[in-house]
Amino acid sequence: GGGGGGGGGAVSEGGGGGGGSGGGESPMSLLAREGEKELQAALQKVQADMESQGCSREEIGSQLASVRESHAAYMRQQRQMLQEREEVYKEAIAEGLTPEAAKARVQACAQWQQQMQRLQAKHQAAMQKTHHEAEAAGVSPAEIKRRLEAQRRLQQAEAEAWQQKMRARQQAASEAAEKGQSAAEVEKAVKAVTRAQDAAWAEREAALLAAEGVARREAAEAARQLADASLSPEIRRILLARVRIGGSQRTGGASPGRQRDVRVRTRVSTLDRAQRPSGPQRAGRRGQDVGG
């Protein structure tokens, strides 16, 4: 998936231009062809590396299947993102924008998508780090599970805060542009909103991390007490229950099974258009570049 990221990005600009040109290979066809080329290269490298290490045919086959599965998921995401960019281009043309202005809007959409991908990659790495650190610390399976659930809640909160920031930035840009303000004034308005949103998230993140610190200390103390051989069965049962609960009330208490899947979407079709900004993909409206 990591190696494929560059290839997918190379097609992103073509997604907008292809929507209006109608000539040559379609962006979707190009994406599929490049994706297949990347997959074959990855499969060959994995097989060669594992054969050189003396891995069995079963091990190699299992790893190749895993690579195919990961690549298929990556390509599904790339196709979805390309479709979104093409829709943004068509909508812009339908609104009467010039092809150049429509492409600027597509570029803003692509920047939003890339930022979301970076956030997802950051979250995946953080989850792996949390798991490895918990195992290295020798904590119980229940505590490992609790830490991972707390990490998921933190990441969901961050993703939601990030999306809220993008919506607020777009709303500020649209309002400033509608007032006829200059590009510099639009940028100033967007930066002010960004600072406010970042400050709000920093405060919330600090509170969540502090609560997790308390939960870990309490879990460690409960584990230490459980190691005391002189404890009565009743006290031991109470401590075990405390370890299992693990301070979930303090860190949000949301069931991990109910965590929403924050997908790479630039269009929120389920919300009433009259009650929401026009979306991050329109950050390039009127040629104003407010990406990043």
C-alpha atoms as a PDB file:
ATOM      1  CA  GLY A   1       0.000   0.000   0.000  1.00  0.00           C
ATOM      2  CA  GLY A   2       2.793   2.429   0.846  1.00  0.00           C
ATOM      3  CA  GLY A   3       4.503   1.987  -2.485  1.00  0.00           C
ATOM      4  CA  GLY A   4       1.230   2.405  -4.299  1.00  0.00           C
ATOM      5  CA  GLY A   5       0.585   5.774  -2.697  1.00  0.00           C
ATOM      6  CA  GLY A   6       2.900   7.572  -5.077  1.00  0.00           C
ATOM      7  CA  GLY A   7       1.316   6.022  -8.126  1.00  0.00           C
ATOM      8  CA  GLY A   8      -2.159   7.006  -6.998  1.00  0.00           C
ATOM      9  CA  GLY A   9      -1.046  10.584  -6.440  1.00  0.00           C
ATOM     10  CA  ALA A  10       0.374  10.801  -9.933  1.00  0.00           C
ATOM     11  CA  VAL A  11      -3.079  10.215 -11.378  1.00  0.00           C
ATOM     12  CA  SER A  12      -4.816  12.777  -9.164  1.00  0.00           C
ATOM     13  CA  GLU A  13      -4.375  15.808 -11.396  1.00  0.00           C
ATOM     14  CA  GLY A  14      -5.404  13.858 -14.470  1.00  0.00           C
ATOM     15  CA  GLY A  15      -8.689  13.069 -12.750  1.00  0.00           C
ATOM     16  CA  GLY A  16      -9.808  16.664 -13.103  1.00  0.00           C
ATOM     17  CA  GLY A  17      -8.502  17.323 -16.578  1.00  0.00           C
ATOM     18  CA  GLY A  18      -9.821  14.046 -17.936  1.00  0.00           C
ATOM     19  CA  GLY A  19     -13.298  14.990 -16.800  1.00  0.00           C
ATOM     20  CA  GLY A  20     -13.375  17.748 -19.361  1.00  0.00           C
ATOM     21  CA  SER A  21     -11.211  16.502 -22.199  1.00  0.00           C
ATOM     22  CA  GLY A  22     -12.823  13.201 -23.156  1.00  0.00           C
ATOM     23  CA  GLY A  23      -9.742  12.232 -25.153  1.00  0.00           C
ATOM     24  CA  GLY A  24      -7.102   9.551 -24.692  1.00  0.00           C
ATOM     25  CA  GLU A  25      -7.064   6.993 -21.906  1.00  0.00           C
ATOM     26  CA  SER A  26      -9.605   7.633 -19.163  1.00  0.00           C
ATOM     27  CA  PRO A  27      -8.259   8.464 -15.680  1.00  0.00           C
ATOM     28  CA  MET A  28      -9.969   5.365 -14.248  1.00  0.00           C
ATOM     29  CA  SER A  29      -8.357   3.119 -16.876  1.00  0.00           C
ATOM     30  CA  LEU A  30      -4.960   4.700 -16.244  1.00  0.00           C
ATOM     31  CA  LEU A  31      -5.398   4.214 -12.492  1.00  0.00           C
ATOM     32  CA  ALA A  32      -6.224   0.518 -12.988  1.00  0.00           C
ATOM     33  CA  ARG A  33      -3.271  -0.036 -15.316  1.00  0.00           C
ATOM     34  CA  GLU A  34      -0.783   1.687 -13.007  1.00  0.00           C
ATOM     35  CA  GLY A  35      -2.235  -0.138 -10.003  1.00  0.00           C
ATOM     36  CA  GLU A  36      -1.798  -3.538 -11.652  1.00  0.00           C
ATOM     37  CA  LYS A  37       1.789  -2.666 -12.535  1.00  0.00           C
ATOM     38  CA  GLU A  38       2.516  -1.722  -8.910  1.00  0.00           C
ATOM     39  CA  LEU A  39       0.869  -4.906  -7.635  1.00  0.00           C
ATOM     40  CA  GLN A  40       2.921  -7.178  -9.882  1.00  0.00           C
ATOM     41  CA  ALA A  41       6.149  -5.421  -8.883  1.00  0.00           C
ATOM     42  CA  ALA A  42       5.269  -5.797  -5.189  1.00  0.00           C
ATOM     43  CA  LEU A  43       4.398  -9.492  -5.577  1.00  0.00           C
ATOM     44  CA  GLN A  44       7.650 -10.232  -7.400  1.00  0.00           C
ATOM     45  CA  LYS A  45       9.711  -8.444  -4.749  1.00  0.00           C
ATOM     46  CA  VAL A  46       7.976 -10.199  -1.837  1.00  0.00           C
ATOM     47  CA  GLN A  47       8.376 -13.606  -3.465  1.00  0.00           C
ATOM     48  CA  ALA A  48      12.051 -13.038  -4.283  1.00  0.00           C
ATOM     49  CA  ASP A  49      12.805 -11.764  -0.773  1.00  0.00           C
ATOM     50  CA  MET A  50      11.032 -14.664   0.941  1.00  0.00           C
ATOM     51  CA  GLU A  51      12.605 -17.274  -1.326  1.00  0.00           C
ATOM     52  CA  SER A  52      16.057 -15.866  -0.552  1.00  0.00           C
ATOM     53  CA  GLN A  53      15.250 -16.226   3.161  1.00  0.00           C
ATOM     54  CA  GLY A  54      14.297 -19.875   2.712  1.00  0.00           C
ATOM     55  CA  CYS A  55      10.603 -19.444   3.506  1.00  0.00           C
ATOM     56  CA  SER A  56       8.243 -22.300   2.730  1.00  0.00           C
ATOM     57  CA  ARG A  57       5.766 -22.260  -0.162  1.00  0.00           C
ATOM     58  CA  GLU A  58       2.922 -21.984   2.343  1.00  0.00           C
ATOM     59  CA  GLU A  59       4.481 -18.939   4.006  1.00  0.00           C
ATOM     60  CA  ILE A  60       5.139 -17.276   0.662  1.00  0.00           C
ATOM     61  CA  GLY A  61       1.617 -18.006  -0.555  1.00  0.00           C
ATOM     62  CA  SER A  62       0.103 -16.571   2.608  1.00  0.00           C
ATOM     63  CA  GLN A  63       2.169 -13.393   2.344  1.00  0.00           C
ATOM     64  CA  LEU A  64       1.336 -12.944  -1.349  1.00  0.00           C
ATOM     65  CA  ALA A  65      -2.370 -13.298  -0.548  1.00  0.00           C
ATOM     66  CA  SER A  66      -1.980 -10.635   2.135  1.00  0.00           C
ATOM     67  CA  VAL A  67      -0.281  -8.295  -0.350  1.00  0.00           C
ATOM     68  CA  ARG A  68      -3.102  -8.806  -2.862  1.00  0.00           C
ATOM     69  CA  GLU A  69      -5.730  -8.118  -0.200  1.00  0.00           C
ATOM     70  CA  SER A  70      -4.013  -4.927   0.969  1.00  0.00           C
ATOM     71  CA  HIS A  71      -3.552  -3.720  -2.599  1.00  0.00           C
ATOM     72  CA  ALA A  72      -7.216  -4.385  -3.430  1.00  0.00           C
ATOM     73  CA  ALA A  73      -8.303  -2.250  -0.462  1.00  0.00           C
ATOM     74  CA  TYR A  74      -5.874   0.484  -1.508  1.00  0.00           C
ATOM     75  CA  MET A  75      -7.211   0.470  -5.091  1.00  0.00           C
ATOM     76  CA  ARG A  76     -10.822   0.667  -3.878  1.00  0.00           C
ATOM     77  CA  GLN A  77      -9.904   3.801  -1.976  1.00  0.00           C
ATOM     78  CA  GLN A  78      -8.054   5.258  -4.969  1.00  0.00           C
ATOM     79  CA  ARG A  79     -11.040   4.652  -7.263  1.00  0.00           C
ATOM     80  CA  GLN A  80     -13.379   6.297  -4.770  1.00  0.00           C
ATOM     81  CA  MET A  81     -11.108   9.326  -4.490  1.00  0.00           C
ATOM     82  CA  LEU A  82     -10.779   9.622  -8.269  1.00  0.00           C
ATOM     83  CA  GLN A  83     -14.561   9.455  -8.676  1.00  0.00           C
ATOM     84  CA  GLU A  84     -14.931  12.245  -6.133  1.00  0.00           C
ATOM     85  CA  ARG A  85     -12.437  14.449  -7.989  1.00  0.00           C
ATOM     86  CA  GLU A  86     -14.209  13.826 -11.297  1.00  0.00           C
ATOM     87  CA  GLU A  87     -17.553  14.738  -9.713  1.00  0.00           C
ATOM     88  CA  VAL A  88     -16.033  17.933  -8.321  1.00  0.00           C
ATOM     89  CA  TYR A  89     -14.795  18.864 -11.811  1.00  0.00           C
ATOM     90  CA  LYS A  90     -18.174  18.177 -13.454  1.00  0.00           C
ATOM     91  CA  GLU A  91     -20.030  20.174 -10.795  1.00  0.00           C
ATOM     92  CA  ALA A  92     -17.658  23.101 -11.212  1.00  0.00           C
ATOM     93  CA  ILE A  93     -18.176  23.159 -14.990  1.00  0.00           C
ATOM     94  CA  ALA A  94     -21.945  22.880 -14.497  1.00  0.00           C
ATOM     95  CA  GLU A  95     -21.787  25.929 -12.200  1.00  0.00           C
ATOM     96  CA  GLY A  96     -20.205  27.921 -15.024  1.00  0.00           C
ATOM     97  CA  LEU A  97     -16.581  27.888 -13.851  1.00  0.00           C
ATOM     98  CA  THR A  98     -13.810  27.931 -16.426  1.00  0.00           C
ATOM     99  CA  PRO A  99     -11.791  24.709 -16.877  1.00  0.00           C
ATOM    100  CA  GLU A 100      -8.875  26.397 -15.087  1.00  0.00           C
ATOM    101  CA  ALA A 101     -11.021  27.330 -12.078  1.00  0.00           C
ATOM    102  CA  ALA A 102     -12.564  23.852 -12.074  1.00  0.00           C
ATOM    103  CA  LYS A 103      -9.096  22.284 -11.997  1.00  0.00           C
ATOM    104  CA  ALA A 104      -8.151  24.545  -9.073  1.00  0.00           C
ATOM    105  CA  ARG A 105     -11.158  23.212  -7.188  1.00  0.00           C
ATOM    106  CA  VAL A 106     -10.135  19.634  -8.030  1.00  0.00           C
ATOM    107  CA  GLN A 107      -6.625  20.353  -6.744  1.00  0.00           C
ATOM    108  CA  ALA A 108      -8.057  21.593  -3.436  1.00  0.00           C
ATOM    109  CA  CYS A 109     -10.095  18.375  -3.220  1.00  0.00           C
ATOM    110  CA  ALA A 110      -6.964  16.299  -3.896  1.00  0.00           C
ATOM    111  CA  GLN A 111      -5.071  18.140  -1.148  1.00  0.00           C
ATOM    112  CA  TRP A 112      -7.880  17.383   1.312  1.00  0.00           C
ATOM    113  CA  GLN A 113      -7.806  13.706   0.346  1.00  0.00           C
ATOM    114  CA  GLN A 114      -4.034  13.507   0.770  1.00  0.00           C
ATOM    115  CA  GLN A 115      -4.225  15.115   4.206  1.00  0.00           C
ATOM    116  CA  MET A 116      -6.838  12.573   5.282  1.00  0.00           C
ATOM    117  CA  GLN A 117      -4.611   9.737   4.058  1.00  0.00           C
ATOM    118  CA  ARG A 118      -1.691  11.101   6.085  1.00  0.00           C
ATOM    119  CA  LEU A 119      -3.907  11.258   9.174  1.00  0.00           C
ATOM    120  CA  GLN A 120      -4.991   7.649   8.649  1.00  0.00           C
ATOM    121  CA  ALA A 121      -1.364   6.522   8.237  1.00  0.00           C
ATOM    122  CA  LYS A 122      -0.425   8.389  11.418  1.00  0.00           C
ATOM    123  CA  HIS A 123      -3.231   6.659  13.308  1.00  0.00           C
ATOM    124  CA  GLN A 124      -2.241   3.216  12.049  1.00  0.00           C
ATOM    125  CA  ALA A 125       1.371   3.738  13.143  1.00  0.00           C
ATOM    126  CA  ALA A 126       0.257   5.032  16.551  1.00  0.00           C
ATOM    127  CA  MET A 127      -1.963   1.993  17.093  1.00  0.00           C
ATOM    128  CA  GLN A 128       0.920  -0.365  16.306  1.00  0.00           C
ATOM    129  CA  LYS A 129       3.225   1.586  18.625  1.00  0.00           C
ATOM    130  CA  THR A 130       0.692   1.419  21.462  1.00  0.00           C
ATOM    131  CA  HIS A 131       0.357  -2.344  21.015  1.00  0.00           C
ATOM    132  CA  HIS A 132       4.114  -2.965  20.900  1.00  0.00           C
ATOM    133  CA  GLU A 133       4.808  -0.757  23.919  1.00  0.00           C
ATOM    134  CA  ALA A 134       2.102  -2.493  25.957  1.00  0.00           C
ATOM    135  CA  GLU A 135       3.499  -5.925  25.095  1.00  0.00           C
ATOM    136  CA  ALA A 136       7.038  -4.798  25.907  1.00  0.00           C
ATOM    137  CA  ALA A 137       5.844  -3.485  29.276  1.00  0.00           C
ATOM    138  CA  GLY A 138       4.460  -6.935  30.087  1.00  0.00           C
ATOM    139  CA  VAL A 139       0.969  -5.725  30.969  1.00  0.00           C
ATOM    140  CA  SER A 140      -2.012  -8.081  30.997  1.00  0.00           C
ATOM    141  CA  PRO A 141      -4.053  -8.881  27.858  1.00  0.00           C
ATOM    142  CA  ALA A 142      -6.957  -6.968  29.426  1.00  0.00           C
ATOM    143  CA  GLU A 143      -4.777  -3.873  29.830  1.00  0.00           C
ATOM    144  CA  ILE A 144      -3.491  -4.179  26.250  1.00  0.00           C
ATOM    145  CA  LYS A 145      -7.096  -4.271  25.039  1.00  0.00           C
ATOM    146  CA  ARG A 146      -8.014  -1.283  27.206  1.00  0.00           C
ATOM    147  CA  ARG A 147      -5.083   0.763  25.881  1.00  0.00           C
ATOM    148  CA  LEU A 148      -5.980  -0.014  22.278  1.00  0.00           C
ATOM    149  CA  GLU A 149      -9.602   0.961  22.895  1.00  0.00           C
ATOM    150  CA  ALA A 150      -8.451   4.244  24.453  1.00  0.00           C
ATOM    151  CA  GLN A 151      -6.189   4.853  21.448  1.00  0.00           C
ATOM    152  CA  ARG A 152      -9.131   4.264  19.074  1.00  0.00           C
ATOM    153  CA  ARG A 153     -11.260   6.770  20.969  1.00  0.00           C
ATOM    154  CA  LEU A 154      -8.481   9.345  20.815  1.00  0.00           C
ATOM    155  CA  GLN A 155      -8.049   8.804  17.084  1.00  0.00           C
ATOM    156  CA  GLN A 156     -11.771   9.055  16.399  1.00  0.00           C
ATOM    157  CA  ALA A 157     -11.868  12.335  18.305  1.00  0.00           C
ATOM    158  CA  GLU A 158      -8.886  13.642  16.326  1.00  0.00           C
ATOM    159  CA  ALA A 159     -10.417  12.647  12.974  1.00  0.00           C
ATOM    160  CA  GLU A 160     -13.685  14.350  13.869  1.00  0.00           C
ATOM    161  CA  ALA A 161     -11.838  17.481  15.035  1.00  0.00           C
ATOM    162  CA  TRP A 162      -9.850  17.516  11.796  1.00  0.00           C
ATOM    163  CA  GLN A 163     -12.993  17.257   9.672  1.00  0.00           C
ATOM    164  CA  GLN A 164     -14.632  20.003  11.714  1.00  0.00           C
ATOM    165  CA  LYS A 165     -11.588  22.189  11.079  1.00  0.00           C
ATOM    166  CA  MET A 166     -11.801  21.581   7.330  1.00  0.00           C
ATOM    167  CA  ARG A 167     -15.492  22.511   7.315  1.00  0.00           C
ATOM    168  CA  ALA A 168     -14.824  25.656   9.345  1.00  0.00           C
ATOM    169  CA  ARG A 169     -11.973  26.665   7.032  1.00  0.00           C
ATOM    170  CA  GLN A 170     -14.182  26.224   3.969  1.00  0.00           C
ATOM    171  CA  GLN A 171     -17.030  28.170   5.529  1.00  0.00           C
ATOM    172  CA  ALA A 172     -14.682  31.032   6.420  1.00  0.00           C
ATOM    173  CA  ALA A 173     -13.258  31.067   2.888  1.00  0.00           C
ATOM    174  CA  SER A 174     -16.708  31.024   1.272  1.00  0.00           C
ATOM    175  CA  GLU A 175     -18.041  33.818   3.490  1.00  0.00           C
ATOM    176  CA  ALA A 176     -14.978  35.996   2.871  1.00  0.00           C
ATOM    177  CA  ALA A 177     -15.122  35.413  -0.890  1.00  0.00           C
ATOM    178  CA  GLU A 178     -18.854  36.178  -1.020  1.00  0.00           C
ATOM    179  CA  LYS A 179     -18.125  39.529   0.646  1.00  0.00           C
ATOM    180  CA  GLY A 180     -15.770  40.313  -2.228  1.00  0.00           C
ATOM    181  CA  GLN A 181     -12.656  40.271  -0.067  1.00  0.00           C
ATOM    182  CA  SER A 182      -9.204  39.933  -1.595  1.00  0.00           C
ATOM    183  CA  ALA A 183      -7.229  36.697  -1.721  1.00  0.00           C
ATOM    184  CA  ALA A 184      -5.050  37.947   1.156  1.00  0.00           C
ATOM    185  CA  GLU A 185      -8.128  38.704   3.273  1.00  0.00           C
ATOM    186  CA  VAL A 186      -9.607  35.288   2.514  1.00  0.00           C
ATOM    187  CA  GLU A 187      -6.352  33.628   3.562  1.00  0.00           C
ATOM    188  CA  LYS A 188      -6.259  35.686   6.766  1.00  0.00           C
ATOM    189  CA  ALA A 189      -9.800  34.595   7.665  1.00  0.00           C
ATOM    190  CA  VAL A 190      -8.959  30.949   7.025  1.00  0.00           C
ATOM    191  CA  LYS A 191      -5.794  31.127   9.151  1.00  0.00           C
ATOM    192  CA  ALA A 192      -7.719  32.654  12.058  1.00  0.00           C
ATOM    193  CA  VAL A 193     -10.264  29.825  11.972  1.00  0.00           C
ATOM    194  CA  THR A 194      -7.475  27.254  11.704  1.00  0.00           C
ATOM    195  CA  ARG A 195      -5.715  28.618  14.802  1.00  0.00           C
ATOM    196  CA  ALA A 196      -8.947  28.521  16.804  1.00  0.00           C
ATOM    197  CA  GLN A 197      -9.742  24.955  15.735  1.00  0.00           C
ATOM    198  CA  ASP A 198      -6.188  23.767  16.443  1.00  0.00           C
ATOM    199  CA  ALA A 199      -6.269  25.345  19.910  1.00  0.00           C
ATOM    200  CA  ALA A 200      -9.598  23.671  20.707  1.00  0.00           C
ATOM    201  CA  TRP A 201      -8.269  20.255  19.664  1.00  0.00           C
ATOM    202  CA  ALA A 202      -5.007  20.715  21.586  1.00  0.00           C
ATOM    203  CA  GLU A 203      -7.016  21.375  24.758  1.00  0.00           C
ATOM    204  CA  ARG A 204      -9.235  18.345  24.225  1.00  0.00           C
ATOM    205  CA  GLU A 205      -6.299  16.101  23.326  1.00  0.00           C
ATOM    206  CA  ALA A 206      -4.453  17.133  26.489  1.00  0.00           C
ATOM    207  CA  ALA A 207      -7.505  16.204  28.582  1.00  0.00           C
ATOM    208  CA  LEU A 208      -7.834  12.802  26.889  1.00  0.00           C
ATOM    209  CA  LEU A 209      -4.127  12.043  27.332  1.00  0.00           C
ATOM    210  CA  ALA A 210      -4.238  13.086  30.986  1.00  0.00           C
ATOM    211  CA  ALA A 211      -7.215  10.782  31.586  1.00  0.00           C
ATOM    212  CA  GLU A 212      -5.365   7.926  29.901  1.00  0.00           C
ATOM    213  CA  GLY A 213      -2.353   8.568  32.127  1.00  0.00           C
ATOM    214  CA  VAL A 214      -4.555   8.247  35.212  1.00  0.00           C
ATOM    215  CA  ALA A 215      -6.143   5.060  33.852  1.00  0.00           C
ATOM    216  CA  ARG A 216      -2.726   3.487  33.231  1.00  0.00           C
ATOM    217  CA  ARG A 217      -1.487   4.355  36.714  1.00  0.00           C
ATOM    218  CA  GLU A 218      -4.603   2.873  38.289  1.00  0.00           C
ATOM    219  CA  ALA A 219      -4.282  -0.278  36.180  1.00  0.00           C
ATOM    220  CA  ALA A 220      -0.631  -0.626  37.191  1.00  0.00           C
ATOM    221  CA  GLU A 221      -1.503  -0.203  40.867  1.00  0.00           C
ATOM    222  CA  ALA A 222      -4.298  -2.782  40.610  1.00  0.00           C
ATOM    223  CA  ALA A 223      -1.929  -5.229  38.901  1.00  0.00           C
ATOM    224  CA  ARG A 224       0.663  -4.656  41.633  1.00  0.00           C
ATOM    225  CA  GLN A 225      -1.902  -5.337  44.338  1.00  0.00           C
ATOM    226  CA  LEU A 226      -3.104  -8.482  42.555  1.00  0.00           C
ATOM    227  CA  ALA A 227       0.416  -9.846  42.839  1.00  0.00           C
ATOM    228  CA  ASP A 228       0.088  -9.685  46.630  1.00  0.00           C
ATOM    229  CA  ALA A 229      -0.418 -13.306  47.734  1.00  0.00           C
ATOM    230  CA  SER A 230      -2.010 -12.217  51.024  1.00  0.00           C
ATOM    231  CA  LEU A 231      -5.121 -10.766  49.349  1.00  0.00           C
ATOM    232  CA  SER A 232      -8.485 -12.309  50.206  1.00  0.00           C
ATOM    233  CA  PRO A 233     -10.539 -13.818  47.331  1.00  0.00           C
ATOM    234  CA  GLU A 234     -13.126 -11.028  47.650  1.00  0.00           C
ATOM    235  CA  ILE A 235     -10.546  -8.227  47.328  1.00  0.00           C
ATOM    236  CA  ARG A 236      -8.927 -10.068  44.432  1.00  0.00           C
ATOM    237  CA  ARG A 237     -12.275 -10.199  42.590  1.00  0.00           C
ATOM    238  CA  ILE A 238     -12.764  -6.460  43.099  1.00  0.00           C
ATOM    239  CA  LEU A 239      -9.287  -5.691  41.758  1.00  0.00           C
ATOM    240  CA  LEU A 240      -9.785  -7.943  38.751  1.00  0.00           C
ATOM    241  CA  ALA A 241     -13.007  -6.115  37.924  1.00  0.00           C
ATOM    242  CA  ARG A 242     -11.180  -2.798  38.196  1.00  0.00           C
ATOM    243  CA  VAL A 243      -8.478  -3.965  35.798  1.00  0.00           C
ATOM    244  CA  ARG A 244     -11.087  -5.080  33.266  1.00  0.00           C
ATOM    245  CA  ILE A 245     -13.014  -1.820  33.473  1.00  0.00           C
ATOM    246  CA  GLY A 246      -9.721   0.022  33.112  1.00  0.00           C
ATOM    247  CA  GLY A 247     -10.982   3.564  33.413  1.00  0.00           C
ATOM    248  CA  SER A 248     -13.116   3.506  30.275  1.00  0.00           C
ATOM    249  CA  GLN A 249     -15.493   6.002  31.890  1.00  0.00           C
ATOM    250  CA  ARG A 250     -12.658   8.471  32.166  1.00  0.00           C
ATOM    251  CA  THR A 251     -11.554   8.238  28.549  1.00  0.00           C
ATOM    252  CA  GLY A 252     -14.931   8.456  26.893  1.00  0.00           C
ATOM    253  CA  GLY A 253     -16.460   5.031  27.453  1.00  0.00           C
ATOM    254  CA  ALA A 254     -17.457   4.493  23.822  1.00  0.00           C
ATOM    255  CA  SER A 255     -17.613   0.894  22.754  1.00  0.00           C
ATOM    256  CA  PRO A 256     -14.922   0.147  20.170  1.00  0.00           C
ATOM    257  CA  GLY A 257     -17.488  -1.772  18.170  1.00  0.00           C
ATOM    258  CA  ARG A 258     -19.435   1.434  17.661  1.00  0.00           C
ATOM    259  CA  GLN A 259     -16.532   3.540  16.466  1.00  0.00           C
ATOM    260  CA  ARG A 260     -17.458   5.169  13.220  1.00  0.00           C
ATOM    261  CA  ASP A 261     -15.392   4.425  10.156  1.00  0.00           C
ATOM    262  CA  VAL A 262     -14.006   7.815   9.159  1.00  0.00           C
ATOM    263  CA  ARG A 263     -13.635   7.307   5.453  1.00  0.00           C
ATOM    264  CA  VAL A 264     -11.845   9.425   2.916  1.00  0.00           C
ATOM    265  CA  ARG A 265     -14.917  11.325   1.781  1.00  0.00           C
ATOM    266  CA  THR A 266     -15.105  14.885   0.551  1.00  0.00           C
ATOM    267  CA  ARG A 267     -18.865  14.747   0.008  1.00  0.00           C
ATOM    268  CA  VAL A 268     -21.348  14.377   2.860  1.00  0.00           C
ATOM    269  CA  SER A 269     -24.463  13.427   0.926  1.00  0.00           C
ATOM    270  CA  THR A 270     -26.438  12.545   4.058  1.00  0.00           C
ATOM    271  CA  LEU A 271     -26.455  16.141   5.318  1.00  0.00           C
ATOM    272  CA  ASP A 272     -28.818  18.810   4.081  1.00  0.00           C
ATOM    273  CA  ARG A 273     -26.883  21.087   1.750  1.00  0.00           C
ATOM    274  CA  ALA A 274     -28.594  24.092   3.322  1.00  0.00           C
ATOM    275  CA  GLN A 275     -27.175  23.179   6.723  1.00  0.00           C
ATOM    276  CA  ARG A 276     -23.556  22.573   5.805  1.00  0.00           C
ATOM    277  CA  PRO A 277     -20.684  24.280   4.006  1.00  0.00           C
ATOM    278  CA  SER A 278     -20.236  23.269   0.417  1.00  0.00           C
ATOM    279  CA  GLY A 279     -17.432  20.851   1.344  1.00  0.00           C
ATOM    280  CA  PRO A 280     -13.619  20.803   1.452  1.00  0.00           C
ATOM    281  CA  GLN A 281     -13.483  19.972  -2.238  1.00  0.00           C
ATOM    282  CA  ARG A 282     -14.759  23.474  -2.996  1.00  0.00           C
ATOM    283  CA  ALA A 283     -11.870  25.165  -1.228  1.00  0.00           C
ATOM    284  CA  GLY A 284     -10.601  26.296  -4.616  1.00  0.00           C
ATOM    285  CA  ARG A 285     -13.818  28.236  -5.442  1.00  0.00           C
ATOM    286  CA  ARG A 286     -13.197  31.462  -7.339  1.00  0.00           C
ATOM    287  CA  GLY A 287      -9.568  30.455  -7.735  1.00  0.00           C
ATOM    288  CA  GLN A 288      -8.805  30.875  -4.030  1.00  0.00           C
ATOM    289  CA  ASP A 289      -6.340  28.247  -2.898  1.00  0.00           C
ATOM    290  CA  VAL A 290      -6.916  27.557   0.782  1.00  0.00           C
ATOM    291  CA  GLY A 291      -5.482  24.052   0.845  1.00  0.00           C
ATOM    292  CA  GLY A 292      -3.228  22.725   3.588  1.00  0.00           C
END
